[in-house]
Amino acid sequence: MKPKKEISLRQYTSKLVQTLISSQRERTAETYISATNSLIKSFDRDDITLNEIDISVVSTYEYSLQRKGLARNTISFYIRNLRAIYNRAVDEELIADKRPFRRAYTGTSSTHKRAVEPKIIRSIAQLDLSHSRSIQMDADIFLFSFYTRGMAFVDIASLKWEQVKNGYLIYRRRKTGQQIVILWEPCMQQIAERYSDNISNRYIFSIIKGKNPRQEYLSAAHNINRNLRKLGKNLQLNAPLTLYVARHSWASIAYSEQIPIQTISRALGHNSESTTRIYLASIDNSAVDLANKQVLQTISF
């Protein structure tokens, strides 16, 4: 099937983005734009048509990303988003399916351990950051995420005082829509009180001010992770300290404390235990190392 007219990838992506934004899927919209821009830029062009995307184009693009030194998972992320855009166009019968992504890597490789030990969490909590209110808040948000079982930053940014009721924090995960109920602990209250001057703004953390919520959120996420990386270097951590480390650390520590996977799964807001098992498998190998040490000890001379 030959299309009646050539369809611009950039224009088609823009149409998809409008649909995604109207359904409050801003993150997906942003990844589609990023992937589209990346592909077009790699060929040093202003645009490319959907019908031009074939196995040769995808292979050349994948190789260009490898030459730039991008991580395998990052390359896979771009490819998967482009494939999603392409498949939508196929579903709409705008182009014939050439299966251009069939040789591209679209999986997810195991990443370096992201969790930190309890002593690192304690060290962050004990840091004197009074010299900088912004860095203090960034560290507090990291700790708040850990204290609240790995709450995502998108949920922290939009958290309002009215969501703390009768000793519980109640919110819905932006990612899944699942309602999460957390006992409001003193450590959470202590952090919240540092920003009590924002009660009139209703938000616990002064991240969203109402002018451009999405841009304010993205800017804050970038700044927080930048400051956390600096803190991580000061603490001489082997891996970058980011907001996501808080979630991984909570799960890892819970697992090491022999908390049942079913409970950890519920705490993290996962839809199934299988998701949690995959999640935990990438976090900490210490239990396996200990098991091997015990086995080797049985044959020691």
C-alpha atoms as a PDB file:
ATOM      1  CA  MET A   1       0.000   0.000   0.000  1.00  0.00           C
ATOM      2  CA  LYS A   2       1.403   3.373  -0.996  1.00  0.00           C
ATOM      3  CA  PRO A   3       0.155   6.371   0.953  1.00  0.00           C
ATOM      4  CA  LYS A   4      -1.805   9.023  -0.895  1.00  0.00           C
ATOM      5  CA  LYS A   5       0.566  11.672   0.382  1.00  0.00           C
ATOM      6  CA  GLU A   6       3.754  11.827   2.358  1.00  0.00           C
ATOM      7  CA  ILE A   7       3.091  12.406   6.046  1.00  0.00           C
ATOM      8  CA  SER A   8       5.543  14.367   8.148  1.00  0.00           C
ATOM      9  CA  LEU A   9       6.781  12.571  11.253  1.00  0.00           C
ATOM     10  CA  ARG A  10       6.992  15.862  13.119  1.00  0.00           C
ATOM     11  CA  GLN A  11       3.435  16.860  12.206  1.00  0.00           C
ATOM     12  CA  TYR A  12       2.047  13.423  13.025  1.00  0.00           C
ATOM     13  CA  THR A  13       3.817  13.438  16.403  1.00  0.00           C
ATOM     14  CA  SER A  14       2.391  16.896  17.119  1.00  0.00           C
ATOM     15  CA  LYS A  15      -1.097  15.553  16.505  1.00  0.00           C
ATOM     16  CA  LEU A  16      -0.489  12.647  18.875  1.00  0.00           C
ATOM     17  CA  VAL A  17       0.917  15.019  21.487  1.00  0.00           C
ATOM     18  CA  GLN A  18      -2.253  17.116  21.494  1.00  0.00           C
ATOM     19  CA  THR A  19      -4.315  13.986  22.105  1.00  0.00           C
ATOM     20  CA  LEU A  20      -2.026  12.854  24.914  1.00  0.00           C
ATOM     21  CA  ILE A  21      -2.037  16.238  26.624  1.00  0.00           C
ATOM     22  CA  SER A  22      -5.839  16.385  26.499  1.00  0.00           C
ATOM     23  CA  SER A  23      -5.905  13.043  28.325  1.00  0.00           C
ATOM     24  CA  GLN A  24      -3.348  14.298  30.900  1.00  0.00           C
ATOM     25  CA  ARG A  25      -0.516  12.091  29.629  1.00  0.00           C
ATOM     26  CA  GLU A  26       2.047  14.866  29.502  1.00  0.00           C
ATOM     27  CA  ARG A  27       5.013  12.608  30.237  1.00  0.00           C
ATOM     28  CA  THR A  28       4.272  10.357  27.257  1.00  0.00           C
ATOM     29  CA  ALA A  29       3.792  13.430  25.078  1.00  0.00           C
ATOM     30  CA  GLU A  30       7.209  14.726  26.100  1.00  0.00           C
ATOM     31  CA  THR A  31       8.920  11.418  25.339  1.00  0.00           C
ATOM     32  CA  TYR A  32       7.300  11.296  21.888  1.00  0.00           C
ATOM     33  CA  ILE A  33       8.564  14.804  21.115  1.00  0.00           C
ATOM     34  CA  SER A  34      12.049  13.966  22.411  1.00  0.00           C
ATOM     35  CA  ALA A  35      12.289  10.751  20.362  1.00  0.00           C
ATOM     36  CA  THR A  36      11.029  12.461  17.207  1.00  0.00           C
ATOM     37  CA  ASN A  37      13.474  15.336  17.544  1.00  0.00           C
ATOM     38  CA  SER A  38      16.318  12.916  18.233  1.00  0.00           C
ATOM     39  CA  LEU A  39      15.659  10.857  15.098  1.00  0.00           C
ATOM     40  CA  ILE A  40      15.332  13.876  12.811  1.00  0.00           C
ATOM     41  CA  LYS A  41      18.413  15.551  14.279  1.00  0.00           C
ATOM     42  CA  SER A  42      20.511  12.415  13.757  1.00  0.00           C
ATOM     43  CA  PHE A  43      19.989  12.771   9.994  1.00  0.00           C
ATOM     44  CA  ASP A  44      20.685  16.526  10.107  1.00  0.00           C
ATOM     45  CA  ARG A  45      17.303  17.324   8.600  1.00  0.00           C
ATOM     46  CA  ASP A  46      14.297  19.494   9.404  1.00  0.00           C
ATOM     47  CA  ASP A  47      11.868  16.590   9.130  1.00  0.00           C
ATOM     48  CA  ILE A  48      11.356  13.054   7.854  1.00  0.00           C
ATOM     49  CA  THR A  49       8.251  11.351   6.485  1.00  0.00           C
ATOM     50  CA  LEU A  50       6.651   8.349   8.107  1.00  0.00           C
ATOM     51  CA  ASN A  51       7.006   6.378   4.909  1.00  0.00           C
ATOM     52  CA  GLU A  52      10.783   6.917   4.908  1.00  0.00           C
ATOM     53  CA  ILE A  53      11.155   5.041   8.178  1.00  0.00           C
ATOM     54  CA  ASP A  54      12.480   1.619   7.287  1.00  0.00           C
ATOM     55  CA  ILE A  55      14.926  -0.866   8.747  1.00  0.00           C
ATOM     56  CA  SER A  56      17.874   1.016   7.246  1.00  0.00           C
ATOM     57  CA  VAL A  57      16.819   4.329   8.814  1.00  0.00           C
ATOM     58  CA  VAL A  58      16.297   2.729  12.222  1.00  0.00           C
ATOM     59  CA  SER A  59      19.623   0.861  12.091  1.00  0.00           C
ATOM     60  CA  THR A  60      21.484   4.033  11.100  1.00  0.00           C
ATOM     61  CA  TYR A  61      19.767   5.977  13.892  1.00  0.00           C
ATOM     62  CA  GLU A  62      20.543   3.304  16.480  1.00  0.00           C
ATOM     63  CA  TYR A  63      24.198   3.286  15.433  1.00  0.00           C
ATOM     64  CA  SER A  64      24.388   7.095  15.663  1.00  0.00           C
ATOM     65  CA  LEU A  65      23.157   6.951  19.262  1.00  0.00           C
ATOM     66  CA  GLN A  66      25.723   4.290  20.090  1.00  0.00           C
ATOM     67  CA  ARG A  67      28.501   6.483  18.666  1.00  0.00           C
ATOM     68  CA  LYS A  68      27.342   9.315  20.930  1.00  0.00           C
ATOM     69  CA  GLY A  69      27.974   7.051  23.901  1.00  0.00           C
ATOM     70  CA  LEU A  70      24.352   6.742  25.051  1.00  0.00           C
ATOM     71  CA  ALA A  71      23.581   3.865  27.388  1.00  0.00           C
ATOM     72  CA  ARG A  72      21.849   0.822  25.940  1.00  0.00           C
ATOM     73  CA  ASN A  73      18.688   1.445  27.955  1.00  0.00           C
ATOM     74  CA  THR A  74      18.568   5.065  26.808  1.00  0.00           C
ATOM     75  CA  ILE A  75      18.834   4.007  23.160  1.00  0.00           C
ATOM     76  CA  SER A  76      16.114   1.407  23.719  1.00  0.00           C
ATOM     77  CA  PHE A  77      13.930   4.097  25.281  1.00  0.00           C
ATOM     78  CA  TYR A  78      14.163   6.291  22.162  1.00  0.00           C
ATOM     79  CA  ILE A  79      13.552   3.334  19.837  1.00  0.00           C
ATOM     80  CA  ARG A  80      10.508   2.146  21.783  1.00  0.00           C
ATOM     81  CA  ASN A  81       8.898   5.564  21.645  1.00  0.00           C
ATOM     82  CA  LEU A  82       9.508   5.875  17.916  1.00  0.00           C
ATOM     83  CA  ARG A  83       8.055   2.414  17.439  1.00  0.00           C
ATOM     84  CA  ALA A  84       4.949   3.433  19.386  1.00  0.00           C
ATOM     85  CA  ILE A  85       4.486   6.481  17.140  1.00  0.00           C
ATOM     86  CA  TYR A  86       5.041   4.405  14.012  1.00  0.00           C
ATOM     87  CA  ASN A  87       2.608   1.695  15.131  1.00  0.00           C
ATOM     88  CA  ARG A  88      -0.107   4.280  15.733  1.00  0.00           C
ATOM     89  CA  ALA A  89       0.296   5.491  12.161  1.00  0.00           C
ATOM     90  CA  VAL A  90       0.055   1.894  10.937  1.00  0.00           C
ATOM     91  CA  ASP A  91      -3.093   1.346  13.009  1.00  0.00           C
ATOM     92  CA  GLU A  92      -4.611   4.434  11.406  1.00  0.00           C
ATOM     93  CA  GLU A  93      -3.698   2.944   7.997  1.00  0.00           C
ATOM     94  CA  LEU A  94      -1.635   6.005   7.121  1.00  0.00           C
ATOM     95  CA  ILE A  95       1.341   3.837   6.124  1.00  0.00           C
ATOM     96  CA  ALA A  96       2.084   0.221   5.345  1.00  0.00           C
ATOM     97  CA  ASP A  97       3.923  -1.653   8.100  1.00  0.00           C
ATOM     98  CA  LYS A  98       7.519  -2.222   6.989  1.00  0.00           C
ATOM     99  CA  ARG A  99       8.433  -3.572  10.438  1.00  0.00           C
ATOM    100  CA  PRO A 100      11.421  -1.228  10.596  1.00  0.00           C
ATOM    101  CA  PHE A 101      12.160  -1.907  14.272  1.00  0.00           C
ATOM    102  CA  ARG A 102      12.434  -5.696  14.045  1.00  0.00           C
ATOM    103  CA  ARG A 103      16.236  -5.724  14.376  1.00  0.00           C
ATOM    104  CA  ALA A 104      16.547  -2.869  16.870  1.00  0.00           C
ATOM    105  CA  TYR A 105      17.127  -3.505  20.548  1.00  0.00           C
ATOM    106  CA  THR A 106      14.012  -2.574  22.514  1.00  0.00           C
ATOM    107  CA  GLY A 107      14.622  -4.417  25.757  1.00  0.00           C
ATOM    108  CA  THR A 108      15.805  -3.265  29.178  1.00  0.00           C
ATOM    109  CA  SER A 109      19.202  -4.274  30.492  1.00  0.00           C
ATOM    110  CA  SER A 110      19.936  -4.643  34.176  1.00  0.00           C
ATOM    111  CA  THR A 111      21.114  -1.356  35.638  1.00  0.00           C
ATOM    112  CA  HIS A 112      23.563  -0.628  38.419  1.00  0.00           C
ATOM    113  CA  LYS A 113      22.274  -0.869  41.945  1.00  0.00           C
ATOM    114  CA  ARG A 114      20.336   2.278  42.808  1.00  0.00           C
ATOM    115  CA  ALA A 115      19.566   1.585  46.455  1.00  0.00           C
ATOM    116  CA  VAL A 116      21.637   2.938  49.330  1.00  0.00           C
ATOM    117  CA  GLU A 117      22.084   1.530  52.804  1.00  0.00           C
ATOM    118  CA  PRO A 118      20.249   2.850  55.892  1.00  0.00           C
ATOM    119  CA  LYS A 119      23.413   4.609  57.095  1.00  0.00           C
ATOM    120  CA  ILE A 120      23.381   6.784  53.952  1.00  0.00           C
ATOM    121  CA  ILE A 121      19.760   7.775  54.578  1.00  0.00           C
ATOM    122  CA  ARG A 122      20.742   8.704  58.143  1.00  0.00           C
ATOM    123  CA  SER A 123      23.707  10.704  56.880  1.00  0.00           C
ATOM    124  CA  ILE A 124      21.497  12.742  54.563  1.00  0.00           C
ATOM    125  CA  ALA A 125      19.035  13.393  57.389  1.00  0.00           C
ATOM    126  CA  GLN A 126      21.883  14.624  59.623  1.00  0.00           C
ATOM    127  CA  LEU A 127      23.459  17.000  57.086  1.00  0.00           C
ATOM    128  CA  ASP A 128      23.579  20.661  58.065  1.00  0.00           C
ATOM    129  CA  LEU A 129      22.263  22.412  54.953  1.00  0.00           C
ATOM    130  CA  SER A 130      21.075  25.575  56.663  1.00  0.00           C
ATOM    131  CA  HIS A 131      23.349  27.624  54.383  1.00  0.00           C
ATOM    132  CA  SER A 132      21.034  26.962  51.441  1.00  0.00           C
ATOM    133  CA  ARG A 133      17.248  26.711  51.721  1.00  0.00           C
ATOM    134  CA  SER A 134      16.944  25.289  48.204  1.00  0.00           C
ATOM    135  CA  ILE A 135      19.451  22.483  48.817  1.00  0.00           C
ATOM    136  CA  GLN A 136      17.850  21.837  52.204  1.00  0.00           C
ATOM    137  CA  MET A 137      14.471  21.411  50.511  1.00  0.00           C
ATOM    138  CA  ASP A 138      15.935  19.103  47.864  1.00  0.00           C
ATOM    139  CA  ALA A 139      17.404  16.850  50.554  1.00  0.00           C
ATOM    140  CA  ASP A 140      14.119  17.007  52.462  1.00  0.00           C
ATOM    141  CA  ILE A 141      12.162  15.965  49.384  1.00  0.00           C
ATOM    142  CA  PHE A 142      14.490  12.980  48.967  1.00  0.00           C
ATOM    143  CA  LEU A 143      13.934  12.009  52.605  1.00  0.00           C
ATOM    144  CA  PHE A 144      10.194  12.661  52.330  1.00  0.00           C
ATOM    145  CA  SER A 145      10.050  10.308  49.360  1.00  0.00           C
ATOM    146  CA  PHE A 146      11.848   7.628  51.355  1.00  0.00           C
ATOM    147  CA  TYR A 147       9.637   8.179  54.412  1.00  0.00           C
ATOM    148  CA  THR A 148       6.510   7.849  52.255  1.00  0.00           C
ATOM    149  CA  ARG A 149       7.534   4.492  50.749  1.00  0.00           C
ATOM    150  CA  GLY A 150       9.097   5.949  47.649  1.00  0.00           C
ATOM    151  CA  MET A 151       6.522   8.531  46.639  1.00  0.00           C
ATOM    152  CA  ALA A 152       7.218   9.758  43.111  1.00  0.00           C
ATOM    153  CA  PHE A 153       8.289  13.361  42.665  1.00  0.00           C
ATOM    154  CA  VAL A 154       5.310  14.124  40.426  1.00  0.00           C
ATOM    155  CA  ASP A 155       3.061  13.231  43.379  1.00  0.00           C
ATOM    156  CA  ILE A 156       5.180  15.097  45.923  1.00  0.00           C
ATOM    157  CA  ALA A 157       5.130  18.243  43.783  1.00  0.00           C
ATOM    158  CA  SER A 158       1.327  18.345  43.747  1.00  0.00           C
ATOM    159  CA  LEU A 159       0.847  17.260  47.364  1.00  0.00           C
ATOM    160  CA  LYS A 160      -1.506  19.530  49.304  1.00  0.00           C
ATOM    161  CA  TRP A 161      -1.986  20.025  53.010  1.00  0.00           C
ATOM    162  CA  GLU A 162      -5.617  18.999  52.692  1.00  0.00           C
ATOM    163  CA  GLN A 163      -4.466  15.480  51.788  1.00  0.00           C
ATOM    164  CA  VAL A 164      -3.224  14.955  55.332  1.00  0.00           C
ATOM    165  CA  LYS A 165      -6.343  13.918  57.260  1.00  0.00           C
ATOM    166  CA  ASN A 166      -6.858  12.271  60.640  1.00  0.00           C
ATOM    167  CA  GLY A 167      -3.268  11.143  60.910  1.00  0.00           C
ATOM    168  CA  TYR A 168      -3.009   9.767  57.371  1.00  0.00           C
ATOM    169  CA  LEU A 169      -1.610  10.988  54.074  1.00  0.00           C
ATOM    170  CA  ILE A 170      -3.984  10.065  51.249  1.00  0.00           C
ATOM    171  CA  TYR A 171      -3.194  10.584  47.581  1.00  0.00           C
ATOM    172  CA  ARG A 172      -3.547   8.982  44.169  1.00  0.00           C
ATOM    173  CA  ARG A 173      -0.498   7.979  42.174  1.00  0.00           C
ATOM    174  CA  ARG A 174      -0.356  10.069  39.026  1.00  0.00           C
ATOM    175  CA  LYS A 175       1.181   7.124  37.166  1.00  0.00           C
ATOM    176  CA  THR A 176      -1.518   4.528  37.903  1.00  0.00           C
ATOM    177  CA  GLY A 177      -4.415   6.366  39.551  1.00  0.00           C
ATOM    178  CA  GLN A 178      -4.135   4.019  42.533  1.00  0.00           C
ATOM    179  CA  GLN A 179      -5.060   5.464  45.924  1.00  0.00           C
ATOM    180  CA  ILE A 180      -2.274   5.290  48.495  1.00  0.00           C
ATOM    181  CA  VAL A 181      -2.854   5.684  52.229  1.00  0.00           C
ATOM    182  CA  ILE A 182       0.162   6.280  54.481  1.00  0.00           C
ATOM    183  CA  LEU A 183       0.287   6.726  58.234  1.00  0.00           C
ATOM    184  CA  TRP A 184       1.516  10.282  58.859  1.00  0.00           C
ATOM    185  CA  GLU A 185       4.721   9.720  60.847  1.00  0.00           C
ATOM    186  CA  PRO A 186       6.579  12.328  62.971  1.00  0.00           C
ATOM    187  CA  CYS A 187       9.503  12.379  60.487  1.00  0.00           C
ATOM    188  CA  MET A 188       7.073  13.447  57.736  1.00  0.00           C
ATOM    189  CA  GLN A 189       5.552  16.116  59.964  1.00  0.00           C
ATOM    190  CA  GLN A 190       9.001  17.444  60.833  1.00  0.00           C
ATOM    191  CA  ILE A 191       9.820  18.036  57.166  1.00  0.00           C
ATOM    192  CA  ALA A 192       6.399  19.495  56.405  1.00  0.00           C
ATOM    193  CA  GLU A 193       6.726  21.989  59.263  1.00  0.00           C
ATOM    194  CA  ARG A 194       9.869  23.438  57.678  1.00  0.00           C
ATOM    195  CA  TYR A 195       7.672  24.655  54.835  1.00  0.00           C
ATOM    196  CA  SER A 196       4.607  25.615  56.844  1.00  0.00           C
ATOM    197  CA  ASP A 197       4.764  29.135  55.412  1.00  0.00           C
ATOM    198  CA  ASN A 198       3.363  27.638  52.225  1.00  0.00           C
ATOM    199  CA  ILE A 199       0.042  26.653  53.815  1.00  0.00           C
ATOM    200  CA  SER A 200      -1.634  29.621  52.137  1.00  0.00           C
ATOM    201  CA  ASN A 201      -0.536  28.117  48.816  1.00  0.00           C
ATOM    202  CA  ARG A 202      -2.033  24.773  49.877  1.00  0.00           C
ATOM    203  CA  TYR A 203       1.015  22.862  48.663  1.00  0.00           C
ATOM    204  CA  ILE A 204       3.399  21.276  51.159  1.00  0.00           C
ATOM    205  CA  PHE A 205       6.402  22.085  48.962  1.00  0.00           C
ATOM    206  CA  SER A 206       6.602  25.332  47.030  1.00  0.00           C
ATOM    207  CA  ILE A 207       7.234  23.705  43.670  1.00  0.00           C
ATOM    208  CA  ILE A 208       4.044  24.431  41.770  1.00  0.00           C
ATOM    209  CA  LYS A 209       2.975  28.054  41.906  1.00  0.00           C
ATOM    210  CA  GLY A 210       0.202  27.863  39.331  1.00  0.00           C
ATOM    211  CA  LYS A 211       1.720  29.867  36.467  1.00  0.00           C
ATOM    212  CA  ASN A 212       3.003  26.956  34.400  1.00  0.00           C
ATOM    213  CA  PRO A 213       2.664  23.782  36.505  1.00  0.00           C
ATOM    214  CA  ARG A 214       4.263  21.337  34.058  1.00  0.00           C
ATOM    215  CA  GLN A 215       7.278  23.520  33.360  1.00  0.00           C
ATOM    216  CA  GLU A 216       7.700  24.308  37.058  1.00  0.00           C
ATOM    217  CA  TYR A 217       7.638  20.576  37.827  1.00  0.00           C
ATOM    218  CA  LEU A 218      10.211  19.710  35.140  1.00  0.00           C
ATOM    219  CA  SER A 219      12.517  22.529  36.198  1.00  0.00           C
ATOM    220  CA  ALA A 220      12.312  21.512  39.854  1.00  0.00           C
ATOM    221  CA  ALA A 221      12.970  17.832  39.044  1.00  0.00           C
ATOM    222  CA  HIS A 222      16.083  18.794  37.087  1.00  0.00           C
ATOM    223  CA  ASN A 223      17.409  21.070  39.848  1.00  0.00           C
ATOM    224  CA  ILE A 224      16.702  18.585  42.622  1.00  0.00           C
ATOM    225  CA  ASN A 225      18.483  15.709  40.908  1.00  0.00           C
ATOM    226  CA  ARG A 226      21.434  18.003  40.131  1.00  0.00           C
ATOM    227  CA  ASN A 227      21.746  18.971  43.809  1.00  0.00           C
ATOM    228  CA  LEU A 228      21.279  15.382  44.953  1.00  0.00           C
ATOM    229  CA  ARG A 229      24.112  14.248  42.698  1.00  0.00           C
ATOM    230  CA  LYS A 230      26.341  16.833  44.371  1.00  0.00           C
ATOM    231  CA  LEU A 231      25.299  15.554  47.794  1.00  0.00           C
ATOM    232  CA  GLY A 232      25.990  12.007  46.641  1.00  0.00           C
ATOM    233  CA  LYS A 233      29.515  12.958  45.594  1.00  0.00           C
ATOM    234  CA  ASN A 234      30.094  14.625  48.957  1.00  0.00           C
ATOM    235  CA  LEU A 235      28.987  11.397  50.617  1.00  0.00           C
ATOM    236  CA  GLN A 236      31.356   9.501  48.281  1.00  0.00           C
ATOM    237  CA  LEU A 237      28.634   7.276  46.861  1.00  0.00           C
ATOM    238  CA  ASN A 238      29.582   4.952  44.020  1.00  0.00           C
ATOM    239  CA  ALA A 239      26.394   5.671  42.042  1.00  0.00           C
ATOM    240  CA  PRO A 240      24.523   8.958  41.398  1.00  0.00           C
ATOM    241  CA  LEU A 241      22.074  10.009  44.095  1.00  0.00           C
ATOM    242  CA  THR A 242      18.684  10.804  42.533  1.00  0.00           C
ATOM    243  CA  LEU A 243      15.081  10.960  43.666  1.00  0.00           C
ATOM    244  CA  TYR A 244      14.507   7.476  42.317  1.00  0.00           C
ATOM    245  CA  VAL A 245      17.137   6.161  44.707  1.00  0.00           C
ATOM    246  CA  ALA A 246      14.753   6.917  47.589  1.00  0.00           C
ATOM    247  CA  ARG A 247      12.146   4.517  46.202  1.00  0.00           C
ATOM    248  CA  HIS A 248      14.688   1.802  45.439  1.00  0.00           C
ATOM    249  CA  SER A 249      16.244   2.201  48.867  1.00  0.00           C
ATOM    250  CA  TRP A 250      12.929   1.836  50.691  1.00  0.00           C
ATOM    251  CA  ALA A 251      12.170  -1.371  48.783  1.00  0.00           C
ATOM    252  CA  SER A 252      15.687  -2.743  49.260  1.00  0.00           C
ATOM    253  CA  ILE A 253      15.747  -2.050  52.999  1.00  0.00           C
ATOM    254  CA  ALA A 254      12.252  -3.493  53.441  1.00  0.00           C
ATOM    255  CA  TYR A 255      13.346  -6.623  51.587  1.00  0.00           C
ATOM    256  CA  SER A 256      16.512  -6.967  53.687  1.00  0.00           C
ATOM    257  CA  GLU A 257      14.340  -6.693  56.803  1.00  0.00           C
ATOM    258  CA  GLN A 258      12.440  -9.757  55.538  1.00  0.00           C
ATOM    259  CA  ILE A 259       9.196  -7.865  54.992  1.00  0.00           C
ATOM    260  CA  PRO A 260       6.980 -10.079  52.769  1.00  0.00           C
ATOM    261  CA  ILE A 261       7.011  -9.247  49.051  1.00  0.00           C
ATOM    262  CA  GLN A 262       3.226  -8.989  49.161  1.00  0.00           C
ATOM    263  CA  THR A 263       3.525  -6.163  51.693  1.00  0.00           C
ATOM    264  CA  ILE A 264       6.322  -4.436  49.771  1.00  0.00           C
ATOM    265  CA  SER A 265       4.261  -4.667  46.585  1.00  0.00           C
ATOM    266  CA  ARG A 266       1.289  -3.027  48.264  1.00  0.00           C
ATOM    267  CA  ALA A 267       3.485  -0.348  49.826  1.00  0.00           C
ATOM    268  CA  LEU A 268       5.028   0.582  46.477  1.00  0.00           C
ATOM    269  CA  GLY A 269       1.650   0.695  44.769  1.00  0.00           C
ATOM    270  CA  HIS A 270       2.512  -2.070  42.311  1.00  0.00           C
ATOM    271  CA  ASN A 271      -0.375  -3.767  40.534  1.00  0.00           C
ATOM    272  CA  SER A 272       1.067  -7.242  41.030  1.00  0.00           C
ATOM    273  CA  GLU A 273       3.702  -9.089  43.018  1.00  0.00           C
ATOM    274  CA  SER A 274       5.403 -10.111  39.774  1.00  0.00           C
ATOM    275  CA  THR A 275       6.191  -6.440  39.141  1.00  0.00           C
ATOM    276  CA  THR A 276       7.698  -6.168  42.617  1.00  0.00           C
ATOM    277  CA  ARG A 277       9.797  -9.311  42.115  1.00  0.00           C
ATOM    278  CA  ILE A 278      11.258  -7.866  38.910  1.00  0.00           C
ATOM    279  CA  TYR A 279      11.809  -4.577  40.729  1.00  0.00           C
ATOM    280  CA  LEU A 280      13.583  -6.203  43.667  1.00  0.00           C
ATOM    281  CA  ALA A 281      15.708  -8.374  41.399  1.00  0.00           C
ATOM    282  CA  SER A 282      17.464  -5.253  40.082  1.00  0.00           C
ATOM    283  CA  ILE A 283      17.996  -3.680  43.485  1.00  0.00           C
ATOM    284  CA  ASP A 284      20.171  -5.782  45.720  1.00  0.00           C
ATOM    285  CA  ASN A 285      22.199  -8.919  45.214  1.00  0.00           C
ATOM    286  CA  SER A 286      23.471  -9.042  48.793  1.00  0.00           C
ATOM    287  CA  ALA A 287      21.151 -11.904  49.795  1.00  0.00           C
ATOM    288  CA  VAL A 288      22.522 -14.040  46.957  1.00  0.00           C
ATOM    289  CA  ASP A 289      26.105 -13.082  47.886  1.00  0.00           C
ATOM    290  CA  LEU A 290      25.438 -14.106  51.488  1.00  0.00           C
ATOM    291  CA  ALA A 291      23.965 -17.426  50.361  1.00  0.00           C
ATOM    292  CA  ASN A 292      27.045 -18.130  48.269  1.00  0.00           C
ATOM    293  CA  LYS A 293      29.321 -17.248  51.188  1.00  0.00           C
ATOM    294  CA  GLN A 294      27.421 -19.707  53.400  1.00  0.00           C
ATOM    295  CA  VAL A 295      27.755 -22.453  50.796  1.00  0.00           C
ATOM    296  CA  LEU A 296      31.489 -21.827  50.352  1.00  0.00           C
ATOM    297  CA  GLN A 297      31.973 -21.929  54.107  1.00  0.00           C
ATOM    298  CA  THR A 298      30.722 -25.527  54.127  1.00  0.00           C
ATOM    299  CA  ILE A 299      33.752 -26.610  52.091  1.00  0.00           C
ATOM    300  CA  SER A 300      36.332 -24.397  53.745  1.00  0.00           C
ATOM    301  CA  PHE A 301      39.421 -26.173  55.062  1.00  0.00           C
END
